[in-house]
Amino acid sequence: MDKTLPNPYSEARFNEIVNEAKNFLKKLGYKEENIQFIPISGYLGENLITRTDKMPWYKGVCLTEAIDKLPSPVRPSDKPLRLPL
């Protein structure tokens, strides 16, 4: 995302990447409506912890907010506790 030329953080490049990833993930059996795409720059840390001003076209959440919204797994409480040694 951050190295696209001539426009860094380009919405067109993001949409191109999303379309390629959607096609690949659909072939693997994932449902398209369950997949959320977030534009980030891991190199510069843009849109990872807080929203960035460099992507004004993106109105969604940052990566940490999306991770916080994931449902926690159900842990069995009726089975004995097992700890690896």
PDB file of N, CA and C in Angstrom:
ATOM      1  N   MET A   1       0.813  -1.202   0.000  1.00  0.00           N
ATOM      2  CA  MET A   1       0.000   0.000   0.000  1.00  0.00           C
ATOM      3  C   MET A   1       0.851   1.259   0.000  1.00  0.00           C
ATOM      4  N   ASP A   2       1.933   1.289   0.755  1.00  0.00           N
ATOM      5  CA  ASP A   2       2.684   2.526   0.910  1.00  0.00           C
ATOM      6  C   ASP A   2       3.670   2.782  -0.225  1.00  0.00           C
ATOM      7  N   LYS A   3       3.930   1.811  -1.067  1.00  0.00           N
ATOM      8  CA  LYS A   3       4.904   1.985  -2.140  1.00  0.00           C
ATOM      9  C   LYS A   3       4.259   2.116  -3.521  1.00  0.00           C
ATOM     10  N   THR A   4       2.951   2.301  -3.603  1.00  0.00           N
ATOM     11  CA  THR A   4       2.312   2.425  -4.910  1.00  0.00           C
ATOM     12  C   THR A   4       2.649   3.779  -5.514  1.00  0.00           C
ATOM     13  N   LEU A   5       3.045   3.757  -6.764  1.00  0.00           N
ATOM     14  CA  LEU A   5       3.406   4.999  -7.442  1.00  0.00           C
ATOM     15  C   LEU A   5       2.424   5.236  -8.571  1.00  0.00           C
ATOM     16  N   PRO A   6       2.066   6.409  -8.935  1.00  0.00           N
ATOM     17  CA  PRO A   6       2.546   7.689  -8.420  1.00  0.00           C
ATOM     18  C   PRO A   6       1.837   8.138  -7.148  1.00  0.00           C
ATOM     19  N   ASN A   7       0.757   7.460  -6.742  1.00  0.00           N
ATOM     20  CA  ASN A   7       0.008   7.880  -5.554  1.00  0.00           C
ATOM     21  C   ASN A   7       0.203   6.876  -4.427  1.00  0.00           C
ATOM     22  N   PRO A   8       0.982   7.227  -3.406  1.00  0.00           N
ATOM     23  CA  PRO A   8       1.069   6.315  -2.263  1.00  0.00           C
ATOM     24  C   PRO A   8      -0.289   6.213  -1.562  1.00  0.00           C
ATOM     25  N   TYR A   9      -0.584   5.061  -1.013  1.00  0.00           N
ATOM     26  CA  TYR A   9      -1.848   4.800  -0.314  1.00  0.00           C
ATOM     27  C   TYR A   9      -3.042   4.974  -1.262  1.00  0.00           C
ATOM     28  N   SER A  10      -2.917   4.459  -2.454  1.00  0.00           N
ATOM     29  CA  SER A  10      -3.920   4.616  -3.497  1.00  0.00           C
ATOM     30  C   SER A  10      -5.116   3.698  -3.269  1.00  0.00           C
ATOM     31  N   GLU A  11      -6.312   4.246  -3.394  1.00  0.00           N
ATOM     32  CA  GLU A  11      -7.537   3.460  -3.268  1.00  0.00           C
ATOM     33  C   GLU A  11      -7.663   2.475  -4.427  1.00  0.00           C
ATOM     34  N   ALA A  12      -7.240   2.882  -5.607  1.00  0.00           N
ATOM     35  CA  ALA A  12      -7.317   2.002  -6.773  1.00  0.00           C
ATOM     36  C   ALA A  12      -6.443   0.767  -6.573  1.00  0.00           C
ATOM     37  N   ARG A  13      -5.245   0.948  -6.040  1.00  0.00           N
ATOM     38  CA  ARG A  13      -4.347  -0.190  -5.787  1.00  0.00           C
ATOM     39  C   ARG A  13      -4.932  -1.090  -4.702  1.00  0.00           C
ATOM     40  N   PHE A  14      -5.520  -0.493  -3.663  1.00  0.00           N
ATOM     41  CA  PHE A  14      -6.154  -1.285  -2.601  1.00  0.00           C
ATOM     42  C   PHE A  14      -7.284  -2.138  -3.172  1.00  0.00           C
ATOM     43  N   ASN A  15      -8.130  -1.550  -4.006  1.00  0.00           N
ATOM     44  CA  ASN A  15      -9.240  -2.296  -4.609  1.00  0.00           C
ATOM     45  C   ASN A  15      -8.741  -3.422  -5.508  1.00  0.00           C
ATOM     46  N   GLU A  16      -7.633  -3.191  -6.193  1.00  0.00           N
ATOM     47  CA  GLU A  16      -7.036  -4.227  -7.037  1.00  0.00           C
ATOM     48  C   GLU A  16      -6.564  -5.408  -6.184  1.00  0.00           C
ATOM     49  N   ILE A  17      -5.925  -5.116  -5.068  1.00  0.00           N
ATOM     50  CA  ILE A  17      -5.448  -6.160  -4.161  1.00  0.00           C
ATOM     51  C   ILE A  17      -6.629  -6.914  -3.548  1.00  0.00           C
ATOM     52  N   VAL A  18      -7.680  -6.193  -3.160  1.00  0.00           N
ATOM     53  CA  VAL A  18      -8.865  -6.816  -2.567  1.00  0.00           C
ATOM     54  C   VAL A  18      -9.516  -7.772  -3.554  1.00  0.00           C
ATOM     55  N   ASN A  19      -9.653  -7.374  -4.804  1.00  0.00           N
ATOM     56  CA  ASN A  19     -10.275  -8.243  -5.810  1.00  0.00           C
ATOM     57  C   ASN A  19      -9.469  -9.518  -6.034  1.00  0.00           C
ATOM     58  N   GLU A  20      -8.141  -9.396  -6.083  1.00  0.00           N
ATOM     59  CA  GLU A  20      -7.299 -10.575  -6.254  1.00  0.00           C
ATOM     60  C   GLU A  20      -7.406 -11.497  -5.048  1.00  0.00           C
ATOM     61  N   ALA A  21      -7.404 -10.920  -3.845  1.00  0.00           N
ATOM     62  CA  ALA A  21      -7.489 -11.728  -2.625  1.00  0.00           C
ATOM     63  C   ALA A  21      -8.851 -12.398  -2.512  1.00  0.00           C
ATOM     64  N   LYS A  22      -9.929 -11.694  -2.876  1.00  0.00           N
ATOM     65  CA  LYS A  22     -11.266 -12.284  -2.818  1.00  0.00           C
ATOM     66  C   LYS A  22     -11.371 -13.489  -3.739  1.00  0.00           C
ATOM     67  N   ASN A  23     -10.849 -13.371  -4.949  1.00  0.00           N
ATOM     68  CA  ASN A  23     -10.896 -14.492  -5.890  1.00  0.00           C
ATOM     69  C   ASN A  23     -10.141 -15.697  -5.339  1.00  0.00           C
ATOM     70  N   PHE A  24      -8.983 -15.452  -4.757  1.00  0.00           N
ATOM     71  CA  PHE A  24      -8.184 -16.533  -4.198  1.00  0.00           C
ATOM     72  C   PHE A  24      -8.885 -17.183  -3.008  1.00  0.00           C
ATOM     73  N   LEU A  25      -9.437 -16.375  -2.099  1.00  0.00           N
ATOM     74  CA  LEU A  25     -10.083 -16.903  -0.901  1.00  0.00           C
ATOM     75  C   LEU A  25     -11.388 -17.633  -1.225  1.00  0.00           C
ATOM     76  N   LYS A  26     -12.101 -17.184  -2.267  1.00  0.00           N
ATOM     77  CA  LYS A  26     -13.321 -17.892  -2.689  1.00  0.00           C
ATOM     78  C   LYS A  26     -12.977 -19.289  -3.199  1.00  0.00           C
ATOM     79  N   LYS A  27     -11.853 -19.417  -3.890  1.00  0.00           N
ATOM     80  CA  LYS A  27     -11.427 -20.728  -4.377  1.00  0.00           C
ATOM     81  C   LYS A  27     -11.090 -21.670  -3.226  1.00  0.00           C
ATOM     82  N   LEU A  28     -10.666 -21.104  -2.098  1.00  0.00           N
ATOM     83  CA  LEU A  28     -10.345 -21.916  -0.934  1.00  0.00           C
ATOM     84  C   LEU A  28     -11.575 -22.277  -0.110  1.00  0.00           C
ATOM     85  N   GLY A  29     -12.728 -21.652  -0.421  1.00  0.00           N
ATOM     86  CA  GLY A  29     -13.958 -21.998   0.259  1.00  0.00           C
ATOM     87  C   GLY A  29     -14.446 -20.997   1.292  1.00  0.00           C
ATOM     88  N   TYR A  30     -13.786 -19.851   1.407  1.00  0.00           N
ATOM     89  CA  TYR A  30     -14.231 -18.832   2.358  1.00  0.00           C
ATOM     90  C   TYR A  30     -15.424 -18.072   1.792  1.00  0.00           C
ATOM     91  N   LYS A  31     -16.305 -17.626   2.664  1.00  0.00           N
ATOM     92  CA  LYS A  31     -17.453 -16.831   2.247  1.00  0.00           C
ATOM     93  C   LYS A  31     -17.034 -15.372   2.162  1.00  0.00           C
ATOM     94  N   GLU A  32     -17.384 -14.739   1.069  1.00  0.00           N
ATOM     95  CA  GLU A  32     -16.957 -13.363   0.793  1.00  0.00           C
ATOM     96  C   GLU A  32     -17.468 -12.371   1.833  1.00  0.00           C
ATOM     97  N   GLU A  33     -18.679 -12.591   2.349  1.00  0.00           N
ATOM     98  CA  GLU A  33     -19.260 -11.647   3.301  1.00  0.00           C
ATOM     99  C   GLU A  33     -18.611 -11.733   4.686  1.00  0.00           C
ATOM    100  N   ASN A  34     -17.828 -12.788   4.951  1.00  0.00           N
ATOM    101  CA  ASN A  34     -17.164 -12.941   6.244  1.00  0.00           C
ATOM    102  C   ASN A  34     -15.749 -12.376   6.257  1.00  0.00           C
ATOM    103  N   ILE A  35     -15.296 -11.835   5.145  1.00  0.00           N
ATOM    104  CA  ILE A  35     -13.921 -11.353   5.037  1.00  0.00           C
ATOM    105  C   ILE A  35     -13.908  -9.830   5.096  1.00  0.00           C
ATOM    106  N   GLN A  36     -13.071  -9.283   5.975  1.00  0.00           N
ATOM    107  CA  GLN A  36     -12.925  -7.833   6.083  1.00  0.00           C
ATOM    108  C   GLN A  36     -11.510  -7.450   5.642  1.00  0.00           C
ATOM    109  N   PHE A  37     -11.415  -6.494   4.742  1.00  0.00           N
ATOM    110  CA  PHE A  37     -10.123  -6.029   4.249  1.00  0.00           C
ATOM    111  C   PHE A  37      -9.829  -4.654   4.831  1.00  0.00           C
ATOM    112  N   ILE A  38      -8.622  -4.481   5.355  1.00  0.00           N
ATOM    113  CA  ILE A  38      -8.218  -3.227   5.983  1.00  0.00           C
ATOM    114  C   ILE A  38      -6.911  -2.777   5.329  1.00  0.00           C
ATOM    115  N   PRO A  39      -6.873  -1.568   4.772  1.00  0.00           N
ATOM    116  CA  PRO A  39      -5.620  -1.089   4.177  1.00  0.00           C
ATOM    117  C   PRO A  39      -4.647  -0.664   5.279  1.00  0.00           C
ATOM    118  N   ILE A  40      -3.462  -1.257   5.284  1.00  0.00           N
ATOM    119  CA  ILE A  40      -2.454  -0.921   6.290  1.00  0.00           C
ATOM    120  C   ILE A  40      -1.098  -0.751   5.630  1.00  0.00           C
ATOM    121  N   SER A  41      -0.201  -0.131   6.348  1.00  0.00           N
ATOM    122  CA  SER A  41       1.199  -0.093   5.968  1.00  0.00           C
ATOM    123  C   SER A  41       1.984  -0.612   7.157  1.00  0.00           C
ATOM    124  N   GLY A  42       2.402  -1.854   7.083  1.00  0.00           N
ATOM    125  CA  GLY A  42       3.158  -2.447   8.174  1.00  0.00           C
ATOM    126  C   GLY A  42       4.535  -1.829   8.316  1.00  0.00           C
ATOM    127  N   TYR A  43       5.099  -1.342   7.221  1.00  0.00           N
ATOM    128  CA  TYR A  43       6.434  -0.747   7.249  1.00  0.00           C
ATOM    129  C   TYR A  43       6.440   0.565   8.028  1.00  0.00           C
ATOM    130  N   LEU A  44       5.415   1.392   7.798  1.00  0.00           N
ATOM    131  CA  LEU A  44       5.345   2.683   8.477  1.00  0.00           C
ATOM    132  C   LEU A  44       4.327   2.696   9.618  1.00  0.00           C
ATOM    133  N   GLY A  45       3.572   1.618   9.794  1.00  0.00           N
ATOM    134  CA  GLY A  45       2.617   1.524  10.887  1.00  0.00           C
ATOM    135  C   GLY A  45       1.338   2.310  10.682  1.00  0.00           C
ATOM    136  N   GLU A  46       0.995   2.595   9.443  1.00  0.00           N
ATOM    137  CA  GLU A  46      -0.220   3.357   9.158  1.00  0.00           C
ATOM    138  C   GLU A  46      -1.443   2.458   9.268  1.00  0.00           C
ATOM    139  N   ASN A  47      -2.435   2.892   9.993  1.00  0.00           N
ATOM    140  CA  ASN A  47      -3.730   2.222  10.144  1.00  0.00           C
ATOM    141  C   ASN A  47      -3.619   0.898  10.902  1.00  0.00           C
ATOM    142  N   LEU A  48      -2.560   0.726  11.683  1.00  0.00           N
ATOM    143  CA  LEU A  48      -2.425  -0.470  12.500  1.00  0.00           C
ATOM    144  C   LEU A  48      -3.073  -0.276  13.870  1.00  0.00           C
ATOM    145  N   ILE A  49      -2.630   0.739  14.597  1.00  0.00           N
ATOM    146  CA  ILE A  49      -3.138   0.990  15.945  1.00  0.00           C
ATOM    147  C   ILE A  49      -4.177   2.102  15.947  1.00  0.00           C
ATOM    148  N   THR A  50      -3.910   3.153  15.191  1.00  0.00           N
ATOM    149  CA  THR A  50      -4.866   4.263  15.081  1.00  0.00           C
ATOM    150  C   THR A  50      -5.112   4.556  13.606  1.00  0.00           C
ATOM    151  N   ARG A  51      -6.226   5.192  13.320  1.00  0.00           N
ATOM    152  CA  ARG A  51      -6.547   5.550  11.934  1.00  0.00           C
ATOM    153  C   ARG A  51      -5.569   6.607  11.448  1.00  0.00           C
ATOM    154  N   THR A  52      -5.280   6.582  10.175  1.00  0.00           N
ATOM    155  CA  THR A  52      -4.300   7.480   9.586  1.00  0.00           C
ATOM    156  C   THR A  52      -4.968   8.538   8.718  1.00  0.00           C
ATOM    157  N   ASP A  53      -4.291   9.654   8.551  1.00  0.00           N
ATOM    158  CA  ASP A  53      -4.766  10.718   7.667  1.00  0.00           C
ATOM    159  C   ASP A  53      -4.330  10.485   6.217  1.00  0.00           C
ATOM    160  N   LYS A  54      -3.445   9.534   6.007  1.00  0.00           N
ATOM    161  CA  LYS A  54      -2.909   9.292   4.663  1.00  0.00           C
ATOM    162  C   LYS A  54      -3.868   8.511   3.769  1.00  0.00           C
ATOM    163  N   MET A  55      -4.942   7.963   4.357  1.00  0.00           N
ATOM    164  CA  MET A  55      -5.945   7.225   3.586  1.00  0.00           C
ATOM    165  C   MET A  55      -7.324   7.814   3.870  1.00  0.00           C
ATOM    166  N   PRO A  56      -7.602   9.022   3.379  1.00  0.00           N
ATOM    167  CA  PRO A  56      -8.899   9.648   3.692  1.00  0.00           C
ATOM    168  C   PRO A  56     -10.082   8.937   3.049  1.00  0.00           C
ATOM    169  N   TRP A  57      -9.845   8.120   2.040  1.00  0.00           N
ATOM    170  CA  TRP A  57     -10.905   7.393   1.358  1.00  0.00           C
ATOM    171  C   TRP A  57     -11.392   6.200   2.158  1.00  0.00           C
ATOM    172  N   TYR A  58     -10.636   5.741   3.146  1.00  0.00           N
ATOM    173  CA  TYR A  58     -11.025   4.580   3.948  1.00  0.00           C
ATOM    174  C   TYR A  58     -11.769   5.046   5.194  1.00  0.00           C
ATOM    175  N   LYS A  59     -13.000   4.573   5.372  1.00  0.00           N
ATOM    176  CA  LYS A  59     -13.850   4.999   6.490  1.00  0.00           C
ATOM    177  C   LYS A  59     -14.020   3.915   7.543  1.00  0.00           C
ATOM    178  N   GLY A  60     -13.357   2.790   7.408  1.00  0.00           N
ATOM    179  CA  GLY A  60     -13.537   1.673   8.331  1.00  0.00           C
ATOM    180  C   GLY A  60     -12.654   1.778   9.564  1.00  0.00           C
ATOM    181  N   VAL A  61     -12.497   0.649  10.232  1.00  0.00           N
ATOM    182  CA  VAL A  61     -11.738   0.583  11.477  1.00  0.00           C
ATOM    183  C   VAL A  61     -10.277   0.260  11.191  1.00  0.00           C
ATOM    184  N   CYS A  62      -9.405   0.532  12.172  1.00  0.00           N
ATOM    185  CA  CYS A  62      -8.003   0.148  12.036  1.00  0.00           C
ATOM    186  C   CYS A  62      -7.854  -1.318  12.444  1.00  0.00           C
ATOM    187  N   LEU A  63      -6.668  -1.861  12.300  1.00  0.00           N
ATOM    188  CA  LEU A  63      -6.450  -3.290  12.505  1.00  0.00           C
ATOM    189  C   LEU A  63      -6.729  -3.720  13.946  1.00  0.00           C
ATOM    190  N   THR A  64      -6.260  -2.964  14.932  1.00  0.00           N
ATOM    191  CA  THR A  64      -6.484  -3.359  16.322  1.00  0.00           C
ATOM    192  C   THR A  64      -7.962  -3.312  16.697  1.00  0.00           C
ATOM    193  N   GLU A  65      -8.706  -2.359  16.148  1.00  0.00           N
ATOM    194  CA  GLU A  65     -10.148  -2.303  16.410  1.00  0.00           C
ATOM    195  C   GLU A  65     -10.849  -3.521  15.803  1.00  0.00           C
ATOM    196  N   ALA A  66     -10.429  -3.937  14.622  1.00  0.00           N
ATOM    197  CA  ALA A  66     -11.024  -5.113  13.976  1.00  0.00           C
ATOM    198  C   ALA A  66     -10.704  -6.383  14.765  1.00  0.00           C
ATOM    199  N   ILE A  67      -9.486  -6.481  15.289  1.00  0.00           N
ATOM    200  CA  ILE A  67      -9.118  -7.651  16.093  1.00  0.00           C
ATOM    201  C   ILE A  67      -9.927  -7.684  17.386  1.00  0.00           C
ATOM    202  N   ASP A  68     -10.140  -6.526  17.991  1.00  0.00           N
ATOM    203  CA  ASP A  68     -10.931  -6.461  19.226  1.00  0.00           C
ATOM    204  C   ASP A  68     -12.378  -6.878  19.007  1.00  0.00           C
ATOM    205  N   LYS A  69     -12.897  -6.721  17.802  1.00  0.00           N
ATOM    206  CA  LYS A  69     -14.287  -7.077  17.501  1.00  0.00           C
ATOM    207  C   LYS A  69     -14.480  -8.555  17.184  1.00  0.00           C
ATOM    208  N   LEU A  70     -13.401  -9.304  17.035  1.00  0.00           N
ATOM    209  CA  LEU A  70     -13.525 -10.733  16.738  1.00  0.00           C
ATOM    210  C   LEU A  70     -14.143 -11.454  17.930  1.00  0.00           C
ATOM    211  N   PRO A  71     -15.026 -12.411  17.672  1.00  0.00           N
ATOM    212  CA  PRO A  71     -15.620 -13.153  18.793  1.00  0.00           C
ATOM    213  C   PRO A  71     -14.586 -14.065  19.441  1.00  0.00           C
ATOM    214  N   SER A  72     -14.643 -14.171  20.759  1.00  0.00           N
ATOM    215  CA  SER A  72     -13.702 -15.052  21.455  1.00  0.00           C
ATOM    216  C   SER A  72     -14.170 -16.498  21.313  1.00  0.00           C
ATOM    217  N   PRO A  73     -13.233 -17.436  21.274  1.00  0.00           N
ATOM    218  CA  PRO A  73     -13.617 -18.834  21.098  1.00  0.00           C
ATOM    219  C   PRO A  73     -14.305 -19.376  22.348  1.00  0.00           C
ATOM    220  N   VAL A  74     -15.179 -20.334  22.144  1.00  0.00           N
ATOM    221  CA  VAL A  74     -15.865 -20.979  23.261  1.00  0.00           C
ATOM    222  C   VAL A  74     -14.942 -22.048  23.827  1.00  0.00           C
ATOM    223  N   ARG A  75     -14.678 -21.940  25.106  1.00  0.00           N
ATOM    224  CA  ARG A  75     -13.789 -22.901  25.755  1.00  0.00           C
ATOM    225  C   ARG A  75     -14.624 -23.888  26.563  1.00  0.00           C
ATOM    226  N   PRO A  76     -14.315 -25.162  26.455  1.00  0.00           N
ATOM    227  CA  PRO A  76     -15.111 -26.148  27.193  1.00  0.00           C
ATOM    228  C   PRO A  76     -14.823 -26.071  28.691  1.00  0.00           C
ATOM    229  N   SER A  77     -15.860 -25.849  29.469  1.00  0.00           N
ATOM    230  CA  SER A  77     -15.680 -25.781  30.920  1.00  0.00           C
ATOM    231  C   SER A  77     -16.092 -27.081  31.602  1.00  0.00           C
ATOM    232  N   ASP A  78     -16.639 -28.027  30.851  1.00  0.00           N
ATOM    233  CA  ASP A  78     -17.083 -29.282  31.432  1.00  0.00           C
ATOM    234  C   ASP A  78     -16.028 -30.388  31.318  1.00  0.00           C
ATOM    235  N   LYS A  79     -14.867 -30.071  30.757  1.00  0.00           N
ATOM    236  CA  LYS A  79     -13.809 -31.063  30.597  1.00  0.00           C
ATOM    237  C   LYS A  79     -12.669 -30.768  31.568  1.00  0.00           C
ATOM    238  N   PRO A  80     -11.864 -31.770  31.888  1.00  0.00           N
ATOM    239  CA  PRO A  80     -10.746 -31.537  32.822  1.00  0.00           C
ATOM    240  C   PRO A  80      -9.698 -30.621  32.209  1.00  0.00           C
ATOM    241  N   LEU A  81      -9.041 -29.883  33.074  1.00  0.00           N
ATOM    242  CA  LEU A  81      -7.975 -28.970  32.653  1.00  0.00           C
ATOM    243  C   LEU A  81      -6.734 -29.774  32.268  1.00  0.00           C
ATOM    244  N   ARG A  82      -6.198 -29.471  31.105  1.00  0.00           N
ATOM    245  CA  ARG A  82      -4.989 -30.154  30.638  1.00  0.00           C
ATOM    246  C   ARG A  82      -3.946 -29.090  30.301  1.00  0.00           C
ATOM    247  N   LEU A  83      -2.771 -29.253  30.867  1.00  0.00           N
ATOM    248  CA  LEU A  83      -1.672 -28.323  30.629  1.00  0.00           C
ATOM    249  C   LEU A  83      -0.513 -29.086  30.009  1.00  0.00           C
ATOM    250  N   PRO A  84       0.061 -28.549  28.929  1.00  0.00           N
ATOM    251  CA  PRO A  84       1.225 -29.236  28.333  1.00  0.00           C
ATOM    252  C   PRO A  84       2.461 -29.050  29.224  1.00  0.00           C
ATOM    253  N   LEU A  85       3.270 -30.078  29.284  1.00  0.00           N
ATOM    254  CA  LEU A  85       4.505 -30.023  30.081  1.00  0.00           C
ATOM    255  C   LEU A  85       5.696 -29.786  29.217  1.00  0.00           C
TER     256      LEU A  85
END
